[in-house]
């Protein structure tokens, strides 16, 4: 059975405990908030999918573009929604 849910793309910036910043999109069920998504995936997976990413090495300033990355939630220090 294939169930498809309507989702919103939320632009986010994520800092990790490594010297790395990730900017990309989280896919969140319509009408849900970023905090709702983080709580609901907490018991399901250690990893958070992020798409259309820029991954910046904070020591060198070099940014790499990737289409998809799974972030281990245990390494996330700060996550926030980019507004505007």
Protein backbone atom coordinates (compact mmCIF):
# COMPACT_ATOMS: atom_id res chain seq x y z
CA UNK A 1 0.00 0.00 0.00
CA UNK A 2 1.38 3.40 -0.99
CA UNK A 3 0.03 6.34 1.01
CA UNK A 4 0.99 9.83 -0.07
CA UNK A 5 0.58 12.77 2.29
CA UNK A 6 0.57 16.42 1.25
CA UNK A 7 3.65 18.11 2.67
CA UNK A 8 5.06 21.59 2.98
CA UNK A 9 8.72 22.39 2.43
CA UNK A 10 10.21 24.23 5.37
CA UNK A 11 13.53 26.01 4.72
CA UNK A 12 15.87 25.38 7.65
CA UNK A 13 19.38 26.03 8.89
CA UNK A 14 20.97 23.33 11.04
CA UNK A 15 24.20 23.53 13.02
CA UNK A 16 25.80 20.30 14.18
CA UNK A 17 28.34 19.38 16.82
CA UNK A 18 30.80 19.05 13.94
CA UNK A 19 32.00 22.29 12.33
CA UNK A 20 29.19 22.02 9.76
CA UNK A 21 26.13 24.08 8.85
CA UNK A 22 23.37 22.54 6.71
CA UNK A 23 20.81 24.66 4.87
CA UNK A 24 17.99 22.92 3.06
CA UNK A 25 14.37 21.83 3.25
CA UNK A 26 12.49 19.59 5.65
CA UNK A 27 9.31 17.98 4.35
CA UNK A 28 6.56 18.44 6.92
CA UNK A 29 2.94 17.29 6.76
CA UNK A 30 0.70 20.23 5.83
CA UNK A 31 -0.39 22.34 8.81
CA UNK A 32 2.36 20.80 10.99
CA UNK A 33 5.15 22.83 12.55
CA UNK A 34 8.87 22.12 12.59
CA UNK A 35 8.62 21.12 16.26
CA UNK A 36 5.80 18.68 15.42
CA UNK A 37 7.97 16.98 12.80
CA UNK A 38 10.92 16.70 15.17
CA UNK A 39 8.77 15.19 17.91
CA UNK A 40 7.02 12.72 15.60
CA UNK A 41 10.22 11.40 14.05
CA UNK A 42 12.00 11.16 17.39
CA UNK A 43 10.68 7.70 18.18
CA UNK A 44 10.79 6.47 14.58
CA UNK A 45 14.29 7.28 13.41
CA UNK A 46 17.60 8.69 14.52
CA UNK A 47 17.87 10.46 11.17
CA UNK A 48 16.18 13.51 9.71
CA UNK A 49 15.95 13.82 5.90
CA UNK A 50 16.90 17.19 4.40
CA UNK A 51 16.67 17.99 0.67
CA UNK A 52 18.29 20.54 -1.67
CA UNK A 53 21.12 21.11 0.78
CA UNK A 54 24.06 23.42 1.05
CA UNK A 55 26.57 21.93 3.49
CA UNK A 56 29.12 24.45 4.71
CA UNK A 57 32.37 23.54 6.44
CA UNK A 58 32.59 26.26 9.07
CA UNK A 59 36.38 25.99 9.29
CA UNK A 60 37.08 26.51 5.58
CA UNK A 61 33.89 28.27 4.49
CA UNK A 62 33.56 25.83 1.57
CA UNK A 63 29.98 24.90 0.65
CA UNK A 64 28.95 21.74 -1.17
CA UNK A 65 25.53 21.29 -2.78
CA UNK A 66 23.74 17.95 -2.46
CA UNK A 67 20.20 16.88 -3.27
CA UNK A 68 19.59 14.80 -0.16
CA UNK A 69 21.18 14.13 3.21
CA UNK A 70 20.17 12.23 6.33
CA UNK A 71 21.24 14.02 9.51
CA UNK A 72 21.69 12.10 12.72
CA UNK A 73 19.51 13.95 15.21
CA UNK A 74 22.06 13.26 17.98
CA UNK A 75 24.48 15.64 16.25
CA UNK A 76 22.06 18.56 15.86
CA UNK A 77 22.90 21.47 18.14
CA UNK A 78 20.69 24.20 16.62
CA UNK A 79 17.88 24.00 14.08
CA UNK A 80 15.69 26.87 12.99
CA UNK A 81 13.26 27.77 10.26
CA UNK A 82 14.45 30.35 7.73
CA UNK A 83 11.70 32.92 7.37
CA UNK A 84 11.43 35.62 4.76
